Amino acid sequence: MATGVSVENINPKVILGPSSIAECIVIRGEVAIHAQVSWFSSSMFWKSISIYSFSANARREINRYLTFFFQHLQQQLQTQPGSLPFDEIVYCNIGNPQSLGQKPITFFREVLALCNHSNLLEREEIKSLFSTDAIARAKKILSMIPGRATGAYSHSQGIKGLRDEIAAGIASRDGFPANADDIFLTNGASPGVHMIMQLLIRNNRDGIMCPIPQYSLYSASLALHGGALVPYYLDESSGWGLEVSKLKNQLEDARSKGITVRALVVINPGNPTGQILDEQQQYELVKFCKDEELVLLADEVYQENIYVTNKKINSFKKIARFMGYNGDDLQLVSLHSVSKGYYGECGKRGGYMEVTGFSTPVREQLYKIASVNLCSNITGQILASLIMDPPKAGDASYDLYEEEKDNILKSLSRRAKAMESAFNSIDGITCNKTEGAMYLFPRIYLPQKAIEAARAVNKAPDVFYALRLLDTTGIVVTPGSGFGQIIGCYLFTCNSEFLTTQVWSFVKGCRDMAREMHDPAAGGEDTFDDLPLQGIP
């Protein structure tokens, strides 16, 4: 058993309630633990909550976003039409495909509709409205749910039958067995991250190694849970490459400062950087975590979003099993979500984490953390099972499913490549190749006068750029400083999910902004004749 995390060195605050799974309340064959939180008292709470009475670290993370400004502009567009130089807010700051026009997968929505309105299954006309395999799948899923109702609570870890299907999907993907008892169904991948942080972080001397640039979920959750972020830097000049040898230096530096490093976060494909790790790098990362007794926290939510032919995605679990590490000698947490991939079901809030290599006492404490929130939503649980067990060849929905999946992934790839080319055609902007995920992370080369203007209003230069872009074009991007970029480098992230007209509008806005900052006299009408945007579906 790996010794990195044991019941003796997890966060003592999570050791709540019953000490074993035997001390549980059983409802309809599903188990729910009710944590006994006896250490709450009224004296622990402020009489009222103000900006000063909650975590300053949380305030710093939240303030990196342009939330309040774009909400204000959105309201102004609604109440004062025509008062701004644009007609809509284009949200390029978050991967949210269906908000930008992506259609859902028909089979998934048919199954969800029948599960959520199960009375339809009793009507004869559904045979002409729904595919036969969707009807059969809905009946099968409903038979797994307590009370056959999606409005009911489930097991805190998720419905057992759905976890069985996810485990089978993982085994099919990796070629190695998976166990439903290792799977926790969650409201998207983010709650899984928070659960692991709650487990690992005891105080501000516990740290997690995170890539820089990194998805701000990790820095924000570390701030909220009181842990230390231990950065390791991706190399922009090598396509956001990772040198495992430098991880050791960062780890030793953190330890020399008294930080107990508990885990390593790896995001593959990268968010926001879009790079894909090669197999050799994955082997080295697994060995590094094994040797240093670190939990490997593998964020693999973009595993379906691959835009290059010379690389492929292997899960870290598959790599570890190929290396001969079984479930007892490497502590691994693998995260997946229904929000990304070709499905893009962000609003359904479905996901899971697969947890292997943890002792039974630690797993029991993790289960208790899950039980505090009762369970994840049932619709999201169903969808998580569907993405891991989609239609197979010979099923009634298979041809349509494959067509929809293929069209979405090809379209995302074309748009990502077109935007990459467009960025690189603009003076003052460069962009690395996008290999996967849903984002581009271009660098902006700001003139000194723009940097000085930003500092004059107490703004980071990339934040200043993002605010100006929003104010003049209605385009929302995330400043690179929100991802922990290197000082002196100015980047922003945007997604690659736009419809054709939105791509053109976005790139024009970025080029006009670059021209304005480098030469305020530049501007005028833009025909797009010299931008490589043709052929975007």
Protein backbone atom coordinates (compact mmCIF):
# COMPACT_ATOMS: atom_id res chain seq x y z
CA MET A 1 0.00 0.00 0.00
CA ALA A 2 1.37 3.43 -0.91
CA THR A 3 2.07 5.43 2.21
CA GLY A 4 1.43 8.90 0.79
CA VAL A 5 -2.06 9.16 2.27
CA SER A 6 -3.30 7.17 5.24
CA VAL A 7 -6.04 7.61 7.80
CA GLU A 8 -3.37 8.93 10.18
CA ASN A 9 -2.36 11.85 7.95
CA ILE A 10 -5.60 13.01 6.33
CA ASN A 11 -7.39 16.17 7.39
CA PRO A 12 -8.74 15.41 10.89
CA LYS A 13 -11.76 17.62 10.25
CA VAL A 14 -13.17 15.07 7.82
CA ILE A 15 -13.13 12.23 10.34
CA LEU A 16 -16.77 12.67 11.25
CA GLY A 17 -19.64 10.49 12.32
CA PRO A 18 -19.62 6.68 12.24
CA SER A 19 -16.26 4.97 12.20
CA SER A 20 -17.15 2.23 9.77
CA ILE A 21 -19.50 1.45 6.94
CA ALA A 22 -21.37 -0.86 9.32
CA GLU A 23 -22.72 2.18 11.18
CA CYS A 24 -25.00 3.28 8.36
CA ILE A 25 -28.65 3.87 7.67
CA VAL A 26 -29.93 1.63 4.89
CA ILE A 27 -32.74 2.98 2.70
CA ARG A 28 -34.20 0.85 -0.12
CA GLY A 29 -30.94 -1.06 -0.36
CA GLU A 30 -28.95 2.14 -0.84
CA VAL A 31 -26.57 3.25 1.92
CA ALA A 32 -26.44 6.79 3.25
CA ILE A 33 -24.14 7.89 6.06
CA HIS A 34 -25.26 10.81 8.19
CA ALA A 35 -22.15 12.56 9.52
CA GLN A 36 -22.32 13.64 13.14
CA VAL A 37 -20.97 17.18 13.05
CA SER A 38 -20.71 17.91 16.75
CA TRP A 39 -17.97 20.53 16.62
CA PHE A 40 -20.19 23.33 15.28
CA SER A 41 -21.16 26.01 17.79
CA SER A 42 -22.68 29.44 17.42
CA SER A 43 -19.54 31.05 18.80
CA MET A 44 -17.63 29.88 15.72
CA PHE A 45 -19.65 32.08 13.35
CA TRP A 46 -19.73 35.80 12.70
CA LYS A 47 -23.05 37.40 13.62
CA SER A 48 -23.22 38.66 10.05
CA ILE A 49 -21.23 37.86 6.93
CA SER A 50 -19.36 40.62 5.16
CA ILE A 51 -16.49 40.85 2.68
CA TYR A 52 -14.17 40.88 5.71
CA SER A 53 -15.57 37.80 7.41
CA PHE A 54 -14.64 35.15 4.88
CA SER A 55 -11.38 33.89 3.47
CA ALA A 56 -9.13 36.58 2.04
CA ASN A 57 -7.61 33.90 -0.18
CA ALA A 58 -11.03 33.23 -1.68
CA ARG A 59 -11.49 36.95 -2.32
CA ARG A 60 -8.22 37.09 -4.24
CA GLU A 61 -9.16 34.16 -6.45
CA ILE A 62 -12.65 35.41 -7.19
CA ASN A 63 -11.44 38.92 -8.03
CA ARG A 64 -9.48 37.62 -10.99
CA TYR A 65 -12.63 37.25 -13.01
CA LEU A 66 -14.43 39.89 -15.00
CA THR A 67 -17.76 38.64 -13.70
CA PHE A 68 -19.19 41.84 -12.34
CA PHE A 69 -18.24 43.92 -15.36
CA PHE A 70 -19.75 41.65 -18.00
CA GLN A 71 -22.88 41.16 -15.89
CA HIS A 72 -23.25 44.94 -15.77
CA LEU A 73 -22.85 45.20 -19.54
CA GLN A 74 -25.32 42.35 -20.08
CA GLN A 75 -27.90 44.19 -18.02
CA GLN A 76 -27.23 47.40 -19.93
CA LEU A 77 -27.80 45.62 -23.25
CA GLN A 78 -31.17 44.42 -21.98
CA THR A 79 -32.34 47.71 -20.47
CA GLN A 80 -30.71 50.14 -22.93
CA PRO A 81 -30.52 48.47 -26.36
CA GLY A 82 -28.12 50.21 -28.73
CA SER A 83 -26.19 51.98 -25.96
CA LEU A 84 -23.05 49.88 -26.43
CA PRO A 85 -20.84 49.34 -29.50
CA PHE A 86 -21.92 45.68 -29.66
CA ASP A 87 -25.22 43.78 -29.58
CA GLU A 88 -24.32 40.77 -27.43
CA ILE A 89 -21.84 39.47 -24.89
CA VAL A 90 -19.78 36.64 -26.38
CA TYR A 91 -18.59 34.38 -23.56
CA CYS A 92 -15.21 33.03 -24.61
CA ASN A 93 -13.93 32.66 -21.05
CA ILE A 94 -15.32 29.22 -20.26
CA GLY A 95 -15.86 25.95 -22.08
CA ASN A 96 -19.65 25.97 -22.49
CA PRO A 97 -20.37 24.47 -25.93
CA GLN A 98 -24.15 24.42 -25.96
CA SER A 99 -24.33 28.11 -25.04
CA LEU A 100 -22.48 28.74 -28.31
CA GLY A 101 -24.74 26.59 -30.47
CA GLN A 102 -23.50 23.02 -30.13
CA LYS A 103 -26.36 20.52 -30.31
CA PRO A 104 -26.70 17.72 -27.74
CA ILE A 105 -26.30 14.06 -28.68
CA THR A 106 -29.76 12.74 -29.60
CA PHE A 107 -29.44 9.35 -27.88
CA PHE A 108 -28.35 10.91 -24.60
CA ARG A 109 -31.25 13.36 -24.59
CA GLU A 110 -33.80 10.68 -25.52
CA VAL A 111 -32.72 8.51 -22.58
CA LEU A 112 -32.78 11.48 -20.20
CA ALA A 113 -36.23 12.56 -21.40
CA LEU A 114 -37.68 9.09 -20.83
CA CYS A 115 -36.05 8.73 -17.42
CA ASN A 116 -37.23 12.15 -16.28
CA HIS A 117 -40.76 11.62 -17.62
CA SER A 118 -41.11 7.88 -17.13
CA ASN A 119 -44.87 7.90 -17.78
CA LEU A 120 -44.00 8.21 -21.46
CA LEU A 121 -42.76 4.64 -21.38
CA GLU A 122 -46.34 3.47 -20.88
CA ARG A 123 -47.58 5.17 -24.06
CA GLU A 124 -47.69 3.34 -27.37
CA GLU A 125 -46.69 6.36 -29.47
CA ILE A 126 -43.20 6.57 -27.96
CA LYS A 127 -42.09 3.84 -30.37
CA SER A 128 -42.46 6.31 -33.22
CA LEU A 129 -40.84 9.20 -31.32
CA PHE A 130 -37.84 7.56 -29.63
CA SER A 131 -35.28 5.02 -30.79
CA THR A 132 -35.78 1.49 -29.54
CA ASP A 133 -32.39 1.35 -27.82
CA ALA A 134 -33.08 4.63 -25.98
CA ILE A 135 -36.36 3.16 -24.71
CA ALA A 136 -34.62 -0.02 -23.58
CA ARG A 137 -31.80 1.92 -21.91
CA ALA A 138 -34.22 4.19 -20.05
CA LYS A 139 -36.13 1.18 -18.70
CA LYS A 140 -32.89 -0.44 -17.58
CA ILE A 141 -31.69 2.71 -15.83
CA LEU A 142 -35.01 3.31 -14.08
CA SER A 143 -34.88 -0.21 -12.70
CA MET A 144 -31.63 0.75 -10.92
CA ILE A 145 -33.01 3.87 -9.22
CA PRO A 146 -34.69 3.71 -5.80
CA GLY A 147 -38.40 4.34 -6.41
CA ARG A 148 -37.76 4.43 -10.20
CA ALA A 149 -37.74 8.23 -9.92
CA THR A 150 -35.00 10.67 -10.91
CA GLY A 151 -36.21 13.03 -8.19
CA ALA A 152 -35.14 10.64 -5.43
CA TYR A 153 -31.92 10.67 -3.43
CA SER A 154 -29.42 7.95 -4.24
CA HIS A 155 -26.47 6.28 -2.57
CA SER A 156 -24.02 9.07 -1.67
CA GLN A 157 -21.41 7.53 -3.93
CA GLY A 158 -23.90 7.31 -6.79
CA ILE A 159 -26.36 4.70 -8.05
CA LYS A 160 -24.64 1.31 -7.98
CA GLY A 161 -25.93 0.13 -11.36
CA LEU A 162 -24.71 3.31 -13.06
CA ARG A 163 -21.32 2.95 -11.40
CA ASP A 164 -21.20 -0.61 -12.71
CA GLU A 165 -21.74 0.70 -16.25
CA ILE A 166 -19.07 3.37 -15.83
CA ALA A 167 -16.63 0.78 -14.48
CA ALA A 168 -17.31 -1.40 -17.53
CA GLY A 169 -16.69 1.61 -19.79
CA ILE A 170 -13.38 2.36 -18.07
CA ALA A 171 -12.33 -1.28 -18.41
CA SER A 172 -13.22 -1.24 -22.11
CA ARG A 173 -11.29 2.01 -22.66
CA ASP A 174 -8.14 0.97 -20.77
CA GLY A 175 -8.03 -2.79 -21.18
CA PHE A 176 -7.71 -3.24 -17.41
CA PRO A 177 -10.41 -4.02 -14.83
CA ALA A 178 -12.28 -1.28 -12.97
CA ASN A 179 -14.38 -1.56 -9.83
CA ALA A 180 -17.65 0.29 -9.24
CA ASP A 181 -16.69 0.69 -5.58
CA ASP A 182 -13.79 2.93 -6.69
CA ILE A 183 -16.14 5.35 -8.46
CA PHE A 184 -17.75 8.43 -6.90
CA LEU A 185 -20.40 10.15 -9.03
CA THR A 186 -20.24 13.93 -8.65
CA ASN A 187 -21.91 17.12 -9.90
CA GLY A 188 -19.28 17.63 -12.59
CA ALA A 189 -15.58 17.04 -11.95
CA SER A 190 -15.14 20.06 -9.66
CA PRO A 191 -16.74 18.54 -6.52
CA GLY A 192 -14.34 15.62 -6.84
CA VAL A 193 -11.43 18.07 -6.66
CA HIS A 194 -12.91 19.70 -3.57
CA MET A 195 -13.46 16.32 -1.90
CA ILE A 196 -9.82 15.35 -2.43
CA MET A 197 -8.65 18.75 -1.19
CA GLN A 198 -10.76 18.33 1.94
CA LEU A 199 -9.17 14.95 2.49
CA LEU A 200 -5.55 16.02 1.93
CA ILE A 201 -5.26 19.57 3.25
CA ARG A 202 -4.83 19.72 7.02
CA ASN A 203 -3.26 23.19 7.28
CA ASN A 204 -1.34 25.76 5.25
CA ARG A 205 1.81 23.60 5.32
CA ASP A 206 0.16 20.95 3.14
CA GLY A 207 0.71 21.59 -0.56
CA ILE A 208 -0.43 20.36 -3.97
CA MET A 209 1.77 20.56 -7.08
CA CYS A 210 -0.16 22.21 -9.92
CA PRO A 211 0.84 23.10 -13.49
CA ILE A 212 1.31 26.75 -14.37
CA PRO A 213 -0.61 27.91 -16.35
CA GLN A 214 -3.41 25.96 -14.68
CA TYR A 215 -7.17 25.80 -14.52
CA SER A 216 -8.00 28.14 -11.65
CA LEU A 217 -10.22 25.53 -9.97
CA TYR A 218 -7.07 24.16 -8.36
CA SER A 219 -5.63 27.41 -7.05
CA ALA A 220 -9.08 28.55 -5.89
CA SER A 221 -9.87 25.29 -4.10
CA LEU A 222 -6.46 25.29 -2.44
CA ALA A 223 -7.12 28.82 -1.24
CA LEU A 224 -10.54 27.88 0.09
CA HIS A 225 -9.22 24.80 1.89
CA GLY A 226 -6.18 26.59 3.28
CA GLY A 227 -3.47 24.68 1.42
CA ALA A 228 -0.31 25.74 -0.39
CA LEU A 229 0.00 25.77 -4.17
CA VAL A 230 3.35 24.34 -5.28
CA PRO A 231 3.78 25.40 -8.93
CA TYR A 232 5.53 23.60 -11.73
CA TYR A 233 5.89 25.54 -14.95
CA LEU A 234 4.91 24.47 -18.45
CA ASP A 235 7.25 25.74 -21.17
CA GLU A 236 5.47 27.93 -23.72
CA SER A 237 8.46 27.86 -26.08
CA SER A 238 8.16 24.07 -26.44
CA GLY A 239 4.39 24.02 -26.93
CA TRP A 240 3.64 24.06 -23.20
CA GLY A 241 5.94 21.11 -22.68
CA LEU A 242 6.65 19.48 -19.33
CA GLU A 243 10.10 18.48 -18.08
CA VAL A 244 9.72 15.91 -15.35
CA SER A 245 13.25 16.66 -14.12
CA LYS A 246 12.09 20.14 -13.12
CA LEU A 247 9.27 18.67 -11.02
CA LYS A 248 11.87 17.23 -8.67
CA ASN A 249 13.45 20.66 -8.23
CA GLN A 250 10.09 22.25 -7.41
CA LEU A 251 9.25 19.43 -5.00
CA GLU A 252 12.58 19.72 -3.16
CA ASP A 253 12.24 23.50 -2.99
CA ALA A 254 8.78 23.20 -1.42
CA ARG A 255 9.96 20.61 1.08
CA SER A 256 12.92 22.79 2.05
CA LYS A 257 10.41 25.48 3.00
CA GLY A 258 8.52 23.13 5.28
CA ILE A 259 5.70 22.26 2.88
CA THR A 260 4.39 18.70 2.99
CA VAL A 261 3.53 18.02 -0.65
CA ARG A 262 0.57 15.62 -0.82
CA ALA A 263 -0.31 15.35 -4.51
CA LEU A 264 0.53 16.20 -8.10
CA VAL A 265 -2.16 17.59 -10.43
CA VAL A 266 -1.81 16.73 -14.12
CA ILE A 267 -4.32 18.08 -16.66
CA ASN A 268 -4.29 16.10 -19.91
CA PRO A 269 -5.16 17.48 -22.42
CA GLY A 270 -4.07 20.78 -20.91
CA ASN A 271 -6.39 23.48 -19.63
CA PRO A 272 -5.92 26.26 -20.68
CA THR A 273 -2.87 25.34 -22.76
CA GLY A 274 -4.30 22.58 -24.98
CA GLN A 275 -1.19 20.38 -25.10
CA ILE A 276 -1.25 16.57 -24.96
CA LEU A 277 1.32 14.61 -22.98
CA ASP A 278 3.15 11.86 -24.82
CA GLU A 279 3.31 8.37 -23.35
CA GLN A 280 6.90 8.72 -22.16
CA GLN A 281 6.00 11.80 -20.14
CA GLN A 282 3.09 9.92 -18.59
CA TYR A 283 5.37 7.03 -17.64
CA GLU A 284 7.79 9.47 -16.00
CA LEU A 285 5.00 11.24 -14.10
CA VAL A 286 3.59 7.97 -12.77
CA LYS A 287 7.05 6.88 -11.61
CA PHE A 288 7.66 10.30 -10.04
CA CYS A 289 4.46 10.06 -7.99
CA LYS A 290 5.21 6.48 -6.99
CA ASP A 291 8.77 7.28 -5.91
CA GLU A 292 7.80 10.45 -4.04
CA GLU A 293 4.66 8.93 -2.49
CA LEU A 294 2.38 11.56 -4.00
CA VAL A 295 -1.26 11.16 -4.94
CA LEU A 296 -1.57 11.54 -8.72
CA LEU A 297 -4.62 13.69 -9.43
CA ALA A 298 -5.35 13.15 -13.13
CA ASP A 299 -7.75 15.68 -14.67
CA GLU A 300 -8.83 13.90 -17.86
CA VAL A 301 -12.09 15.69 -18.66
CA TYR A 302 -10.93 16.58 -22.21
CA GLN A 303 -9.94 13.03 -23.14
CA GLU A 304 -12.25 13.04 -26.19
CA ASN A 305 -11.00 16.40 -27.51
CA ILE A 306 -7.99 15.45 -29.64
CA TYR A 307 -7.11 17.54 -32.71
CA VAL A 308 -3.80 16.02 -33.84
CA THR A 309 -3.11 12.66 -35.47
CA ASN A 310 0.39 12.09 -34.08
CA LYS A 311 -0.73 11.84 -30.45
CA LYS A 312 -3.34 9.86 -28.58
CA ILE A 313 -4.79 9.94 -25.11
CA ASN A 314 -4.08 7.21 -22.62
CA SER A 315 -5.52 7.49 -19.15
CA PHE A 316 -2.99 7.61 -16.34
CA LYS A 317 -4.60 4.51 -14.90
CA LYS A 318 -3.89 2.63 -18.12
CA ILE A 319 -0.27 3.82 -18.11
CA ALA A 320 0.15 2.83 -14.46
CA ARG A 321 -1.25 -0.64 -15.10
CA PHE A 322 1.04 -1.10 -18.12
CA MET A 323 3.95 -0.23 -15.82
CA GLY A 324 2.91 -3.00 -13.47
CA TYR A 325 1.49 -0.80 -10.73
CA ASN A 326 -1.73 -2.30 -9.45
CA GLY A 327 -4.32 -0.66 -7.25
CA ASP A 328 -2.23 -1.10 -4.10
CA ASP A 329 1.02 0.66 -4.94
CA LEU A 330 -0.02 3.95 -6.55
CA GLN A 331 -2.60 6.38 -5.17
CA LEU A 332 -4.47 7.71 -8.18
CA VAL A 333 -7.56 9.89 -8.58
CA SER A 334 -8.94 10.12 -12.15
CA LEU A 335 -11.50 12.82 -12.97
CA HIS A 336 -14.00 12.89 -15.83
CA SER A 337 -17.01 15.08 -16.69
CA VAL A 338 -20.02 15.22 -19.01
CA SER A 339 -19.32 18.92 -19.60
CA LYS A 340 -16.57 18.55 -22.21
CA GLY A 341 -15.75 16.05 -24.95
CA TYR A 342 -18.25 15.93 -27.82
CA TYR A 343 -21.22 15.96 -25.44
CA GLY A 344 -20.75 19.41 -23.85
CA GLU A 345 -23.51 18.89 -21.26
CA CYS A 346 -22.20 21.54 -18.85
CA GLY A 347 -25.55 22.38 -17.30
CA LYS A 348 -26.39 18.77 -16.46
CA ARG A 349 -23.59 18.71 -13.87
CA GLY A 350 -22.44 15.14 -14.21
CA GLY A 351 -19.05 13.57 -13.63
CA TYR A 352 -17.11 11.05 -11.64
CA MET A 353 -13.81 10.36 -9.98
CA GLU A 354 -12.18 6.94 -9.86
CA VAL A 355 -10.12 6.51 -6.69
CA THR A 356 -7.57 3.69 -6.51
CA GLY A 357 -4.75 2.82 -4.13
CA PHE A 358 -6.35 4.19 -0.97
CA SER A 359 -6.78 2.10 2.17
CA THR A 360 -10.24 1.13 3.38
CA PRO A 361 -10.14 3.58 6.34
CA VAL A 362 -9.26 6.47 4.01
CA ARG A 363 -11.98 5.48 1.54
CA GLU A 364 -14.51 5.43 4.38
CA GLN A 365 -13.60 9.01 5.28
CA LEU A 366 -13.89 10.02 1.62
CA TYR A 367 -17.33 8.42 1.55
CA LYS A 368 -18.34 10.45 4.59
CA ILE A 369 -17.30 13.64 2.81
CA ALA A 370 -19.55 12.62 -0.09
CA SER A 371 -22.41 11.89 2.30
CA VAL A 372 -22.39 15.44 3.68
CA ASN A 373 -23.89 16.52 0.34
CA LEU A 374 -26.23 13.47 0.26
CA CYS A 375 -25.71 12.67 -3.43
CA SER A 376 -25.05 14.17 -6.84
CA ASN A 377 -28.02 14.91 -9.09
CA ILE A 378 -29.55 11.85 -10.73
CA THR A 379 -29.74 13.30 -14.25
CA GLY A 380 -26.00 13.98 -14.15
CA GLN A 381 -25.38 10.46 -12.85
CA ILE A 382 -27.35 8.98 -15.74
CA LEU A 383 -25.49 11.10 -18.28
CA ALA A 384 -22.12 10.08 -16.80
CA SER A 385 -23.07 6.45 -17.38
CA LEU A 386 -24.19 7.20 -20.94
CA ILE A 387 -20.93 8.84 -22.03
CA MET A 388 -19.05 5.76 -20.79
CA ASP A 389 -21.57 3.35 -22.35
CA PRO A 390 -22.81 4.94 -25.59
CA PRO A 391 -24.60 3.12 -28.43
CA LYS A 392 -22.68 0.20 -29.93
CA ALA A 393 -22.52 -1.05 -33.51
CA GLY A 394 -25.83 -2.71 -34.33
CA ASP A 395 -27.88 -0.55 -31.95
CA ALA A 396 -30.70 1.47 -33.49
CA SER A 397 -29.08 4.79 -32.53
CA TYR A 398 -25.52 3.87 -33.43
CA ASP A 399 -25.27 5.43 -36.91
CA LEU A 400 -26.82 8.74 -35.83
CA TYR A 401 -24.71 8.79 -32.67
CA GLU A 402 -21.48 8.25 -34.62
CA GLU A 403 -22.46 10.91 -37.17
CA GLU A 404 -23.22 13.49 -34.48
CA LYS A 405 -20.08 12.69 -32.50
CA ASP A 406 -17.85 12.80 -35.58
CA ASN A 407 -19.32 16.08 -36.85
CA ILE A 408 -18.90 17.81 -33.48
CA LEU A 409 -15.29 16.71 -32.98
CA LYS A 410 -14.29 17.58 -36.55
CA SER A 411 -15.97 20.97 -36.26
CA LEU A 412 -14.21 21.74 -32.97
CA SER A 413 -10.90 20.75 -34.53
CA ARG A 414 -11.43 22.93 -37.61
CA ARG A 415 -12.42 25.94 -35.53
CA ALA A 416 -9.46 25.53 -33.18
CA LYS A 417 -7.02 25.35 -36.09
CA ALA A 418 -8.64 28.30 -37.87
CA MET A 419 -8.49 30.48 -34.77
CA GLU A 420 -4.89 29.45 -34.12
CA SER A 421 -3.96 30.52 -37.67
CA ALA A 422 -5.94 33.73 -37.33
CA PHE A 423 -4.22 34.69 -34.08
CA ASN A 424 -0.81 34.06 -35.61
CA SER A 425 -1.71 36.35 -38.52
CA ILE A 426 -2.29 39.31 -36.18
CA ASP A 427 0.64 41.59 -35.38
CA GLY A 428 1.22 41.57 -31.64
CA ILE A 429 -0.32 38.12 -30.99
CA THR A 430 1.15 34.62 -31.19
CA CYS A 431 -0.50 31.31 -30.40
CA ASN A 432 0.90 27.82 -29.88
CA LYS A 433 -0.56 24.82 -31.67
CA THR A 434 -3.75 23.55 -30.06
CA GLU A 435 -3.51 19.76 -29.75
CA GLY A 436 -6.61 19.15 -27.65
CA ALA A 437 -9.13 20.40 -25.06
CA MET A 438 -11.34 23.39 -25.93
CA TYR A 439 -9.12 26.43 -25.54
CA LEU A 440 -6.49 28.58 -27.16
CA PHE A 441 -3.98 30.45 -25.02
CA PRO A 442 -2.45 33.20 -27.17
CA ARG A 443 0.28 35.59 -26.03
CA ILE A 444 -0.21 39.32 -26.49
CA TYR A 445 2.80 41.58 -26.93
CA LEU A 446 1.76 44.84 -25.32
CA PRO A 447 3.56 48.10 -26.02
CA GLN A 448 5.08 49.88 -23.03
CA LYS A 449 2.45 52.62 -23.19
CA ALA A 450 -0.31 50.02 -22.73
CA ILE A 451 1.52 48.48 -19.78
CA GLU A 452 1.91 51.91 -18.20
CA ALA A 453 -1.77 52.71 -18.80
CA ALA A 454 -2.73 49.50 -17.02
CA ARG A 455 -0.51 50.26 -14.06
CA ALA A 456 -1.93 53.77 -13.85
CA VAL A 457 -5.34 52.28 -13.02
CA ASN A 458 -3.85 49.58 -10.78
CA LYS A 459 -4.57 46.73 -13.19
CA ALA A 460 -2.36 43.91 -14.42
CA PRO A 461 -1.65 44.50 -18.14
CA ASP A 462 -3.48 41.36 -19.27
CA VAL A 463 -6.48 42.25 -17.10
CA PHE A 464 -6.44 45.74 -18.60
CA TYR A 465 -6.41 44.19 -22.08
CA ALA A 466 -9.32 41.89 -21.23
CA LEU A 467 -11.36 44.76 -19.79
CA ARG A 468 -10.72 46.91 -22.85
CA LEU A 469 -11.62 44.03 -25.16
CA LEU A 470 -14.87 43.48 -23.27
CA ASP A 471 -15.74 47.17 -23.12
CA THR A 472 -15.24 47.75 -26.84
CA THR A 473 -16.31 44.42 -28.39
CA GLY A 474 -18.44 42.54 -25.84
CA ILE A 475 -16.00 39.62 -25.91
CA VAL A 476 -15.19 37.97 -22.57
CA VAL A 477 -11.79 36.30 -22.23
CA THR A 478 -9.88 35.22 -19.13
CA PRO A 479 -6.59 37.05 -18.44
CA GLY A 480 -3.57 34.79 -18.25
CA SER A 481 -2.76 36.03 -14.76
CA GLY A 482 -5.80 34.06 -13.60
CA PHE A 483 -3.88 30.94 -14.55
CA GLY A 484 -0.62 31.90 -12.86
CA GLN A 485 1.36 33.00 -15.92
CA ILE A 486 5.04 33.93 -15.63
CA ILE A 487 5.61 37.58 -14.67
CA GLY A 488 6.18 39.73 -17.75
CA CYS A 489 4.22 37.40 -20.05
CA TYR A 490 0.73 38.51 -21.06
CA LEU A 491 -1.72 35.91 -22.29
CA PHE A 492 -5.43 35.28 -22.34
CA THR A 493 -7.53 32.19 -22.83
CA CYS A 494 -10.56 31.74 -25.05
CA ASN A 495 -12.57 28.73 -26.11
CA SER A 496 -12.80 27.33 -29.63
CA GLU A 497 -16.52 26.54 -29.73
CA PHE A 498 -17.86 29.54 -31.63
CA LEU A 499 -20.23 29.46 -34.54
CA THR A 500 -18.85 30.89 -37.78
CA THR A 501 -20.11 34.46 -37.28
CA GLN A 502 -18.84 34.49 -33.70
CA VAL A 503 -15.36 33.38 -34.80
CA TRP A 504 -15.17 36.25 -37.24
CA SER A 505 -16.43 38.74 -34.68
CA PHE A 506 -14.02 37.46 -32.07
CA VAL A 507 -10.91 37.56 -34.25
CA LYS A 508 -11.82 40.99 -35.61
CA GLY A 509 -12.20 42.27 -32.06
CA CYS A 510 -8.80 40.91 -31.07
CA ARG A 511 -7.12 42.38 -34.14
CA ASP A 512 -8.75 45.77 -33.68
CA MET A 513 -7.66 45.79 -30.05
CA ALA A 514 -4.09 44.89 -31.00
CA ARG A 515 -4.05 47.67 -33.59
CA GLU A 516 -5.47 50.19 -31.14
CA MET A 517 -2.87 49.39 -28.49
CA HIS A 518 0.04 49.51 -30.92
CA ASP A 519 -1.29 52.34 -33.09
CA PRO A 520 -4.37 54.26 -31.87
CA ALA A 521 -4.77 55.79 -35.36
CA ALA A 522 -5.21 52.37 -36.95
CA GLY A 523 -8.64 50.89 -37.53
CA GLY A 524 -11.31 51.08 -40.18
CA GLU A 525 -13.44 48.47 -41.87
CA ASP A 526 -12.15 44.93 -41.98
CA THR A 527 -13.06 42.59 -44.81
CA PHE A 528 -11.36 39.51 -43.28
CA ASP A 529 -9.82 38.84 -46.70
CA ASP A 530 -6.42 38.13 -45.14
CA LEU A 531 -7.65 36.09 -42.16
CA PRO A 532 -7.55 32.26 -42.51
CA LEU A 533 -11.14 31.67 -41.45
CA GLN A 534 -12.60 30.04 -44.53
CA GLY A 535 -14.24 26.63 -44.22
CA ILE A 536 -15.32 26.86 -40.60
CA PRO A 537 -18.66 25.04 -40.18
